[in-house]
Amino acid sequence: MAHIIQALELIAQYYSTPRFSAHSTSCSLSKSRKLIKHSGLPFKKADNIDKVVNTLERELGLLRDAMPVEIREAQKIEAKAHRDHENKVEAHIAQVEQDRAEMRSKQVPHRITLDELLPPSNSSYHAAGRCLDGTRSAILERLKTWAMSAPNQTTQVFWLFGVAGCGKSAVAAEICHKLDDNTKMLCGSFFCKRDDVQRRAPSRLLDALAHYLSNANPCFKEKLVETLGKSIVTTESNIRERFSLMLLKPLASVQQEPLTTSSDHYVFVVDALDEFDDVGEVSKLLVDIVEKAPWLKLIVTSRDIPEIRSSLRRKKITTEHNLFTDDARDDLKQFILQKIKDDDLTILSPHVDKLVNKADGLFIWLHTIVELIKNAELDQEALLRDVLSGSIAGDVDAKLSETYASVLRHASGKSTDTKEIFQCIVGLLLATADTAPLPISGLYEFLPSSHRTRLSMA
């Protein structure tokens, strides 16, 4: 009986709420009647909300009167204990929030010093990512000539853009090496990476710029130290505030001398600008920097997206080049021939020209194919035939999707168990990966025990 009373109390409470009444005062109760049709209560089809509430309250009163006194007293004690517990929980939560607010108000923000302005690990260029010797000669020569010429108001930024996978990062790493090794004009580089929170954060780019510019220009370093000593630049400062205090203000204080030779300036390289958080704001900041620093040139690589295009073109100080429009067939052929030689991939020799044509200027596609064939623990010939039989047209995403589909088809073969495991793993990747997938050990732990047993026996 106690359970019946609790159920009726909830129904009565629901029907008597203003929110329900405002919406359903004149509504038929046919849907609600289905939920309580076995209650035995005297509802009629035309009954309105007020009548239902009155009926419920009357029935509740009768049930309470029929209930033994001991049960009613026990219910009151239980209800009071429940209310007391809720009050204690709410009071505890309120106290915790108050304590946290007091702690935040007492904390002194940490002031940034020059020694802490360091670039994220692995954010500068790596020799392993450079172009193959002898490739990309034309664009590299153009970049080097541009970098060595004295800056002026129309040549301070070189924007190298193109579709994903056409080799922008390799060109950026190669020009970094040439400027660093031969001319000593490179003051620093920042290679953004979408799946690395430190290497996609605008604040870390500002830290890197302040660090490298301080090393390159003693006058800037002096002004930056002076600014950091007088102004409060903290880890909690917003991006515009940090930019103004750490870069714009010191740059504006540097004595500007006429630039007449290549030794009067430096070059900073930013790769994959499109992978930063808030890419439009970062693009604007870079343009503002070079306007204040005539002794600095920027080489920037990215995909051609509206936020970057509008920001880099707004001050008319940018030289542009679309890397994807370059004829890269000779470079692609040289790349694959070198891979055949280095990795003993003679299986690819009869198909070099067809692979180059199918790559359609996308180095990442050709590199992916070579690595897949090289590491394949299955029928290489069958996989290669499947890859080559696919359509040539399509962007880099479509090409790579087609390639990986071929790999999965051949890897699973005719085994139902293997296909189930593949589907489970791919599902886990889609469900858990934001910018980077789970490690193999993590994926393994998510698999059902039956799949883990099969994998351990394979």
Protein backbone atom coordinates (compact mmCIF):
# COMPACT_ATOMS: atom_id res chain seq x y z
CA MET A 1 0.00 0.00 0.00
CA ALA A 2 2.87 2.36 0.76
CA HIS A 3 4.16 1.96 -2.79
CA ILE A 4 0.71 2.73 -4.22
CA ILE A 5 0.50 5.91 -2.16
CA GLN A 6 3.95 7.03 -3.31
CA ALA A 7 3.00 6.43 -6.96
CA LEU A 8 -0.25 8.36 -6.64
CA GLU A 9 1.52 11.22 -4.86
CA LEU A 10 3.96 11.53 -7.74
CA ILE A 11 1.13 11.50 -10.30
CA ALA A 12 -0.81 14.10 -8.37
CA GLN A 13 2.26 16.27 -7.99
CA TYR A 14 2.97 16.03 -11.72
CA TYR A 15 -0.57 16.94 -12.77
CA SER A 16 -0.71 19.87 -10.36
CA THR A 17 2.50 21.58 -11.58
CA PRO A 18 1.97 24.95 -13.32
CA ARG A 19 4.22 23.86 -16.20
CA PHE A 20 1.98 20.89 -16.98
CA SER A 21 -1.28 22.76 -16.37
CA ALA A 22 -0.31 25.66 -18.65
CA HIS A 23 0.40 23.26 -21.45
CA SER A 24 -2.36 20.72 -20.96
CA THR A 25 -5.29 22.23 -18.97
CA SER A 26 -7.91 21.30 -21.57
CA CYS A 27 -6.14 18.23 -22.93
CA SER A 28 -7.65 14.78 -22.99
CA LEU A 29 -6.04 12.39 -20.54
CA SER A 30 -6.11 9.41 -22.88
CA LYS A 31 -2.30 8.98 -22.81
CA SER A 32 -2.10 9.36 -19.06
CA ARG A 33 -5.03 6.99 -18.61
CA LYS A 34 -3.01 4.22 -20.24
CA LEU A 35 -0.44 4.53 -17.46
CA ILE A 36 -2.99 4.32 -14.64
CA LYS A 37 -5.93 2.48 -16.25
CA HIS A 38 -5.52 -0.42 -13.83
CA SER A 39 -5.65 1.79 -10.75
CA GLY A 40 -9.41 1.49 -10.45
CA LEU A 41 -9.84 5.25 -10.06
CA PRO A 42 -13.08 6.74 -11.48
CA PHE A 43 -11.61 8.74 -14.41
CA LYS A 44 -13.74 9.64 -17.39
CA LYS A 45 -12.60 10.59 -20.89
CA ALA A 46 -13.72 14.21 -20.53
CA ASP A 47 -12.14 14.77 -17.12
CA ASN A 48 -9.87 17.81 -16.97
CA ILE A 49 -6.73 18.35 -14.92
CA ASP A 50 -8.39 19.88 -11.85
CA LYS A 51 -10.83 17.00 -11.54
CA VAL A 52 -8.04 14.43 -11.86
CA VAL A 53 -6.01 16.17 -9.12
CA ASN A 54 -9.02 16.32 -6.82
CA THR A 55 -9.78 12.66 -7.41
CA LEU A 56 -6.19 11.67 -6.71
CA GLU A 57 -6.07 13.70 -3.52
CA ARG A 58 -9.35 12.17 -2.31
CA GLU A 59 -8.14 8.64 -3.00
CA LEU A 60 -4.85 9.41 -1.30
CA GLY A 61 -6.68 10.58 1.77
CA LEU A 62 -8.69 7.37 1.94
CA LEU A 63 -5.57 5.26 1.54
CA ARG A 64 -3.72 7.16 4.25
CA ASP A 65 -6.63 6.74 6.64
CA ALA A 66 -6.65 2.99 6.00
CA MET A 67 -2.91 2.66 6.56
CA PRO A 68 -1.75 1.49 10.02
CA VAL A 69 -0.40 4.23 12.27
CA GLU A 70 2.96 2.49 12.61
CA ILE A 71 3.55 2.61 8.84
CA ARG A 72 2.53 6.26 8.60
CA GLU A 73 4.90 7.20 11.42
CA ALA A 74 7.70 5.20 9.79
CA GLN A 75 7.09 7.05 6.51
CA LYS A 76 7.28 10.42 8.25
CA ILE A 77 10.57 9.45 9.92
CA GLU A 78 11.98 8.21 6.61
CA ALA A 79 10.90 11.38 4.78
CA LYS A 80 12.47 13.58 7.44
CA ALA A 81 15.72 11.61 7.32
CA HIS A 82 15.77 11.98 3.53
CA ARG A 83 15.20 15.77 3.77
CA ASP A 84 17.92 16.09 6.41
CA HIS A 85 20.36 14.17 4.21
CA GLU A 86 19.59 16.37 1.18
CA ASN A 87 20.10 19.50 3.27
CA LYS A 88 23.48 18.23 4.52
CA VAL A 89 24.61 17.43 0.96
CA GLU A 90 23.54 20.84 -0.31
CA ALA A 91 25.30 22.56 2.60
CA HIS A 92 28.47 20.57 1.95
CA ILE A 93 28.45 21.47 -1.76
CA ALA A 94 27.92 25.14 -0.93
CA GLN A 95 30.82 25.07 1.52
CA VAL A 96 33.13 23.41 -1.05
CA GLU A 97 32.25 26.06 -3.65
CA GLN A 98 32.86 28.82 -1.11
CA ASP A 99 36.24 27.34 -0.16
CA ARG A 100 37.26 27.06 -3.81
CA ALA A 101 36.25 30.67 -4.46
CA GLU A 102 38.31 31.84 -1.49
CA MET A 103 41.35 29.85 -2.66
CA ARG A 104 41.10 31.34 -6.15
CA SER A 105 40.87 34.86 -4.73
CA LYS A 106 44.01 34.31 -2.62
CA GLN A 107 46.12 32.80 -5.41
CA VAL A 108 48.66 35.15 -6.96
CA PRO A 109 48.98 34.57 -10.74
CA HIS A 110 52.39 33.31 -11.73
CA ARG A 111 54.38 35.99 -13.56
CA ILE A 112 56.20 34.82 -16.66
CA THR A 113 59.95 35.37 -16.85
CA LEU A 114 62.25 35.30 -19.87
CA ASP A 115 63.70 31.93 -18.85
CA GLU A 116 60.20 30.41 -19.04
CA LEU A 117 59.53 31.61 -22.58
CA LEU A 118 60.51 28.37 -24.27
CA PRO A 119 59.06 26.68 -27.37
CA PRO A 120 57.23 23.36 -26.91
CA SER A 121 59.35 20.23 -27.31
CA ASN A 122 59.71 18.95 -30.89
CA SER A 123 58.15 22.12 -32.33
CA SER A 124 61.18 23.18 -34.38
CA TYR A 125 62.08 21.60 -37.72
CA HIS A 126 63.55 18.10 -37.94
CA ALA A 127 66.09 17.00 -40.51
CA ALA A 128 64.17 13.74 -40.99
CA GLY A 129 61.24 15.68 -42.45
CA ARG A 130 63.25 17.41 -45.19
CA CYS A 131 62.84 16.95 -48.93
CA LEU A 132 64.73 14.20 -50.72
CA ASP A 133 67.97 15.57 -52.18
CA GLY A 134 67.40 16.99 -55.64
CA THR A 135 63.63 17.44 -55.31
CA ARG A 136 61.59 20.64 -55.10
CA SER A 137 64.53 22.61 -56.51
CA ALA A 138 62.52 25.43 -58.12
CA ILE A 139 60.44 26.42 -55.08
CA LEU A 140 63.40 26.03 -52.71
CA GLU A 141 65.51 28.34 -54.85
CA ARG A 142 62.71 30.87 -54.98
CA LEU A 143 62.27 30.75 -51.20
CA LYS A 144 65.99 31.13 -50.58
CA THR A 145 66.27 34.10 -52.96
CA TRP A 146 63.25 35.74 -51.31
CA ALA A 147 64.61 35.12 -47.81
CA MET A 148 68.02 36.60 -48.59
CA SER A 149 66.70 39.79 -50.15
CA ALA A 150 66.41 42.80 -47.87
CA PRO A 151 62.90 43.17 -46.38
CA ASN A 152 60.55 45.89 -47.53
CA GLN A 153 56.90 46.66 -46.90
CA THR A 154 55.69 44.34 -49.66
CA THR A 155 57.87 41.28 -49.08
CA GLN A 156 57.82 40.45 -45.38
CA VAL A 157 55.64 37.33 -45.55
CA PHE A 158 55.92 34.37 -47.95
CA TRP A 159 52.78 32.23 -47.89
CA LEU A 160 53.29 28.74 -49.29
CA PHE A 161 49.89 27.09 -49.54
CA GLY A 162 48.32 24.02 -51.11
CA VAL A 163 46.11 21.02 -50.48
CA ALA A 164 46.88 18.61 -47.65
CA GLY A 165 49.57 16.11 -48.59
CA CYS A 166 51.30 18.04 -51.36
CA GLY A 167 54.59 18.39 -49.42
CA LYS A 168 54.41 21.79 -47.72
CA SER A 169 55.95 20.59 -44.44
CA ALA A 170 58.85 18.92 -46.21
CA VAL A 171 59.58 22.12 -48.13
CA ALA A 172 59.35 24.12 -44.87
CA ALA A 173 61.82 21.77 -43.15
CA GLU A 174 64.19 21.91 -46.11
CA ILE A 175 64.24 25.71 -46.32
CA CYS A 176 64.80 25.84 -42.53
CA HIS A 177 67.83 23.60 -42.99
CA LYS A 178 69.23 25.67 -45.85
CA LEU A 179 68.78 28.99 -44.05
CA ASP A 180 70.14 27.60 -40.79
CA ASP A 181 73.07 25.71 -42.25
CA ASN A 182 74.25 28.03 -45.04
CA THR A 183 73.21 31.59 -44.25
CA LYS A 184 72.53 31.54 -40.47
CA MET A 185 69.48 33.71 -41.22
CA LEU A 186 66.99 31.37 -39.57
CA CYS A 187 66.13 32.71 -36.11
CA GLY A 188 63.60 29.95 -35.36
CA SER A 189 60.76 27.77 -36.54
CA PHE A 190 57.46 26.45 -35.24
CA PHE A 191 55.87 23.34 -36.76
CA CYS A 192 52.27 23.20 -35.60
CA LYS A 193 50.67 19.80 -35.02
CA ARG A 194 46.93 19.41 -34.60
CA ASP A 195 47.10 16.35 -32.34
CA ASP A 196 49.57 17.99 -29.92
CA VAL A 197 47.87 20.44 -27.55
CA GLN A 198 51.13 22.35 -26.95
CA ARG A 199 51.99 22.66 -30.64
CA ARG A 200 48.55 23.93 -31.66
CA ALA A 201 48.17 26.50 -28.85
CA PRO A 202 48.55 30.15 -29.98
CA SER A 203 50.09 31.07 -26.61
CA ARG A 204 52.93 28.60 -27.16
CA LEU A 205 53.68 30.13 -30.57
CA LEU A 206 53.99 33.52 -28.86
CA ASP A 207 56.36 31.99 -26.30
CA ALA A 208 58.47 30.52 -29.11
CA LEU A 209 58.57 33.81 -31.03
CA ALA A 210 59.62 35.76 -27.94
CA HIS A 211 62.32 33.17 -27.21
CA TYR A 212 63.79 33.04 -30.71
CA LEU A 213 63.61 36.80 -31.32
CA SER A 214 65.40 37.39 -28.00
CA ASN A 215 68.20 35.10 -29.09
CA ALA A 216 68.46 36.81 -32.48
CA ASN A 217 68.17 40.46 -31.46
CA PRO A 218 69.89 41.65 -28.24
CA CYS A 219 67.99 44.94 -28.31
CA PHE A 220 64.65 43.13 -28.43
CA LYS A 221 65.77 40.88 -25.58
CA GLU A 222 66.64 43.92 -23.45
CA LYS A 223 63.26 45.54 -24.10
CA LEU A 224 61.40 42.27 -23.43
CA VAL A 225 63.14 41.80 -20.07
CA GLU A 226 62.27 45.40 -19.21
CA THR A 227 58.61 44.87 -20.16
CA LEU A 228 58.32 41.62 -18.21
CA GLY A 229 59.78 43.37 -15.16
CA LYS A 230 57.33 46.27 -15.27
CA SER A 231 54.16 44.61 -16.56
CA ILE A 232 52.29 41.64 -15.18
CA VAL A 233 52.35 38.94 -17.83
CA THR A 234 50.92 35.75 -16.33
CA THR A 235 50.02 32.30 -17.53
CA GLU A 236 46.38 33.38 -17.20
CA SER A 237 46.72 36.45 -19.43
CA ASN A 238 44.60 36.24 -22.58
CA ILE A 239 46.26 35.82 -25.96
CA ARG A 240 45.96 39.47 -27.03
CA GLU A 241 47.34 40.74 -23.72
CA ARG A 242 50.33 38.40 -23.87
CA PHE A 243 50.92 39.31 -27.51
CA SER A 244 50.89 43.02 -26.75
CA LEU A 245 53.23 42.82 -23.74
CA MET A 246 55.59 40.09 -24.94
CA LEU A 247 55.97 41.09 -28.59
CA LEU A 248 54.35 44.32 -29.79
CA LYS A 249 55.56 46.55 -26.96
CA PRO A 250 59.20 45.37 -27.04
CA LEU A 251 59.27 45.45 -30.85
CA ALA A 252 57.96 49.01 -30.89
CA SER A 253 60.79 50.04 -28.54
CA VAL A 254 63.58 48.55 -30.67
CA GLN A 255 65.57 51.18 -32.52
CA GLN A 256 64.88 50.71 -36.22
CA GLU A 257 67.86 51.00 -38.56
CA PRO A 258 67.71 51.03 -42.41
CA LEU A 259 68.03 47.50 -43.83
CA THR A 260 70.32 47.27 -46.82
CA THR A 261 71.82 43.76 -46.81
CA SER A 262 70.72 40.18 -46.16
CA SER A 263 72.70 40.13 -42.91
CA ASP A 264 70.46 42.82 -41.44
CA HIS A 265 67.42 40.56 -40.96
CA TYR A 266 66.20 37.14 -39.87
CA VAL A 267 63.63 34.62 -41.05
CA PHE A 268 61.11 32.75 -38.91
CA VAL A 269 59.19 29.75 -40.33
CA VAL A 270 55.68 28.71 -39.25
CA ASP A 271 54.47 25.40 -40.69
CA ALA A 272 50.84 24.19 -40.76
CA LEU A 273 49.33 27.50 -39.69
CA ASP A 274 45.87 26.05 -40.43
CA GLU A 275 46.24 23.52 -37.58
CA PHE A 276 46.38 26.16 -34.81
CA ASP A 277 43.45 26.82 -32.51
CA ASP A 278 41.82 30.13 -33.51
CA VAL A 279 43.72 30.23 -36.79
CA GLY A 280 42.24 33.56 -37.89
CA GLU A 281 43.52 35.36 -34.79
CA VAL A 282 46.96 33.75 -35.07
CA SER A 283 47.23 34.87 -38.70
CA LYS A 284 46.45 38.45 -37.74
CA LEU A 285 49.04 38.38 -34.94
CA LEU A 286 51.76 37.25 -37.33
CA VAL A 287 51.03 40.13 -39.71
CA ASP A 288 51.07 42.60 -36.79
CA ILE A 289 54.48 41.26 -35.72
CA VAL A 290 56.25 41.80 -39.04
CA GLU A 291 54.76 45.29 -39.30
CA LYS A 292 56.55 46.18 -36.07
CA ALA A 293 59.76 44.34 -36.98
CA PRO A 294 61.14 45.33 -40.38
CA TRP A 295 64.20 43.14 -39.62
CA LEU A 296 62.02 40.01 -39.60
CA LYS A 297 60.60 37.91 -42.44
CA LEU A 298 58.06 35.11 -42.11
CA ILE A 299 57.63 31.97 -44.20
CA VAL A 300 54.21 30.47 -43.53
CA THR A 301 52.72 27.22 -44.86
CA SER A 302 49.08 26.14 -44.70
CA ARG A 303 46.09 25.02 -46.64
CA ASP A 304 44.27 27.81 -48.43
CA ILE A 305 41.43 28.62 -46.05
CA PRO A 306 39.45 31.90 -45.84
CA GLU A 307 40.61 32.91 -42.34
CA ILE A 308 44.28 32.74 -43.32
CA ARG A 309 43.81 34.21 -46.77
CA SER A 310 41.97 37.30 -45.54
CA SER A 311 44.42 37.90 -42.68
CA LEU A 312 47.62 37.56 -44.72
CA ARG A 313 46.31 39.67 -47.59
CA ARG A 314 44.84 42.51 -45.55
CA LYS A 315 48.08 44.54 -45.37
CA LYS A 316 49.47 43.66 -48.82
CA ILE A 317 52.80 42.47 -47.46
CA THR A 318 52.55 38.87 -48.62
CA THR A 319 54.14 36.93 -51.47
CA GLU A 320 52.14 33.79 -52.34
CA HIS A 321 52.80 30.45 -54.02
CA ASN A 322 50.45 27.50 -54.55
CA LEU A 323 52.67 24.44 -54.19
CA PHE A 324 50.05 22.09 -55.63
CA THR A 325 50.24 23.80 -59.02
CA ASP A 326 53.92 22.84 -59.38
CA ASP A 327 54.66 19.91 -61.68
CA ALA A 328 55.99 17.41 -59.16
CA ARG A 329 56.06 14.29 -61.35
CA ASP A 330 59.85 14.19 -61.63
CA ASP A 331 60.19 14.67 -57.87
CA LEU A 332 57.64 11.93 -57.17
CA LYS A 333 59.45 9.58 -59.52
CA GLN A 334 62.80 10.31 -57.88
CA PHE A 335 61.21 9.71 -54.48
CA ILE A 336 59.82 6.30 -55.35
CA LEU A 337 62.99 5.18 -57.13
CA GLN A 338 65.00 6.09 -54.04
CA LYS A 339 62.58 4.14 -51.85
CA ILE A 340 62.85 1.10 -54.13
CA LYS A 341 66.62 1.27 -53.77
CA ASP A 342 66.75 1.93 -50.02
CA ASP A 343 64.07 -0.59 -48.99
CA ASP A 344 64.56 -3.22 -51.69
CA LEU A 345 61.01 -2.78 -52.97
CA THR A 346 61.58 -4.22 -56.44
CA ILE A 347 57.92 -5.19 -56.51
CA LEU A 348 57.20 -1.51 -57.26
CA SER A 349 59.67 -1.16 -60.16
CA PRO A 350 57.28 -2.11 -63.00
CA HIS A 351 54.64 0.28 -61.66
CA VAL A 352 56.62 3.47 -61.06
CA ASP A 353 54.99 5.59 -63.78
CA LYS A 354 51.49 4.44 -62.91
CA LEU A 355 52.02 5.19 -59.22
CA VAL A 356 53.38 8.66 -60.05
CA ASN A 357 50.34 9.41 -62.24
CA LYS A 358 47.93 8.09 -59.63
CA ALA A 359 49.59 10.19 -56.91
CA ASP A 360 48.61 13.33 -58.86
CA GLY A 361 51.08 15.53 -57.00
CA LEU A 362 50.30 14.16 -53.53
CA PHE A 363 53.51 13.07 -51.82
CA ILE A 364 51.62 11.82 -48.79
CA TRP A 365 49.65 9.35 -50.91
CA LEU A 366 52.77 7.92 -52.54
CA HIS A 367 54.62 7.78 -49.23
CA THR A 368 51.66 5.96 -47.65
CA ILE A 369 51.55 3.38 -50.46
CA VAL A 370 55.28 2.70 -50.17
CA GLU A 371 55.06 2.25 -46.40
CA LEU A 372 52.04 -0.04 -46.68
CA ILE A 373 53.72 -2.29 -49.23
CA LYS A 374 56.95 -2.23 -47.26
CA ASN A 375 55.32 -3.29 -43.98
CA ALA A 376 52.60 -5.53 -45.37
CA GLU A 377 52.38 -8.94 -43.71
CA LEU A 378 50.10 -10.20 -46.45
CA ASP A 379 49.98 -10.63 -50.22
CA GLN A 380 51.89 -7.57 -51.48
CA GLU A 381 51.06 -8.29 -55.12
CA ALA A 382 47.33 -8.48 -54.43
CA LEU A 383 47.40 -5.30 -52.35
CA LEU A 384 49.34 -3.43 -55.04
CA ARG A 385 46.91 -4.58 -57.76
CA ASP A 386 43.97 -3.42 -55.68
CA VAL A 387 45.57 -0.02 -55.08
CA LEU A 388 46.44 0.49 -58.74
CA SER A 389 43.01 -0.60 -59.96
CA GLY A 390 41.25 2.20 -58.07
CA SER A 391 40.18 5.47 -59.64
CA ILE A 392 42.81 8.19 -60.10
CA ALA A 393 40.56 11.21 -59.54
CA GLY A 394 39.89 12.57 -56.07
CA ASP A 395 41.41 14.70 -53.35
CA VAL A 396 43.92 13.47 -50.81
CA ASP A 397 41.27 12.30 -48.33
CA ALA A 398 39.48 10.28 -50.99
CA LYS A 399 42.73 8.75 -52.21
CA LEU A 400 43.87 7.76 -48.74
CA SER A 401 40.45 6.37 -47.84
CA GLU A 402 40.52 4.22 -50.96
CA THR A 403 44.04 3.02 -50.10
CA TYR A 404 43.23 2.09 -46.52
CA ALA A 405 40.05 0.33 -47.66
CA SER A 406 42.21 -1.88 -49.87
CA VAL A 407 44.51 -2.67 -46.95
CA LEU A 408 41.59 -3.60 -44.68
CA ARG A 409 40.02 -5.81 -47.32
CA HIS A 410 43.23 -7.75 -47.80
CA ALA A 411 44.10 -7.86 -44.11
CA SER A 412 40.76 -9.38 -43.08
CA GLY A 413 40.67 -11.88 -45.93
CA LYS A 414 37.85 -14.40 -45.61
CA SER A 415 38.02 -14.80 -41.85
CA THR A 416 34.80 -13.79 -40.09
CA ASP A 417 36.60 -13.48 -36.75
CA THR A 418 39.22 -11.13 -38.20
CA LYS A 419 36.54 -8.96 -39.81
CA GLU A 420 34.71 -8.69 -36.48
CA ILE A 421 37.91 -7.64 -34.71
CA PHE A 422 38.63 -5.04 -37.42
CA GLN A 423 35.12 -3.62 -37.13
CA CYS A 424 35.44 -3.44 -33.34
CA ILE A 425 38.83 -1.67 -33.53
CA VAL A 426 37.68 0.81 -36.19
CA GLY A 427 34.57 1.52 -34.12
CA LEU A 428 36.75 2.20 -31.08
CA LEU A 429 38.94 4.55 -33.09
CA LEU A 430 35.93 6.53 -34.30
CA ALA A 431 34.37 6.66 -30.83
CA THR A 432 37.47 7.60 -28.83
CA ALA A 433 39.75 9.55 -31.16
CA ASP A 434 39.50 13.33 -31.06
CA THR A 435 42.75 14.47 -32.61
CA ALA A 436 44.86 11.39 -31.86
CA PRO A 437 43.85 7.71 -31.63
CA LEU A 438 44.18 5.56 -28.53
CA PRO A 439 47.45 3.62 -28.28
CA ILE A 440 47.37 -0.06 -29.23
CA SER A 441 47.44 -1.08 -25.56
CA GLY A 442 44.37 1.04 -24.88
CA LEU A 443 42.46 -0.37 -27.84
CA TYR A 444 43.35 -3.88 -26.69
CA GLU A 445 41.85 -3.27 -23.24
CA PHE A 446 38.58 -2.09 -24.77
CA LEU A 447 38.15 -5.22 -26.88
CA PRO A 448 35.79 -7.95 -25.66
CA SER A 449 37.62 -10.82 -23.97
CA SER A 450 36.77 -13.19 -26.83
CA HIS A 451 38.49 -10.89 -29.35
CA ARG A 452 41.50 -10.46 -27.06
CA THR A 453 41.89 -14.23 -26.86
CA ARG A 454 41.84 -14.54 -30.63
CA LEU A 455 44.42 -11.77 -31.04
CA SER A 456 46.78 -13.32 -28.47
CA MET A 457 46.57 -16.64 -30.31
CA ALA A 458 47.25 -15.04 -33.71
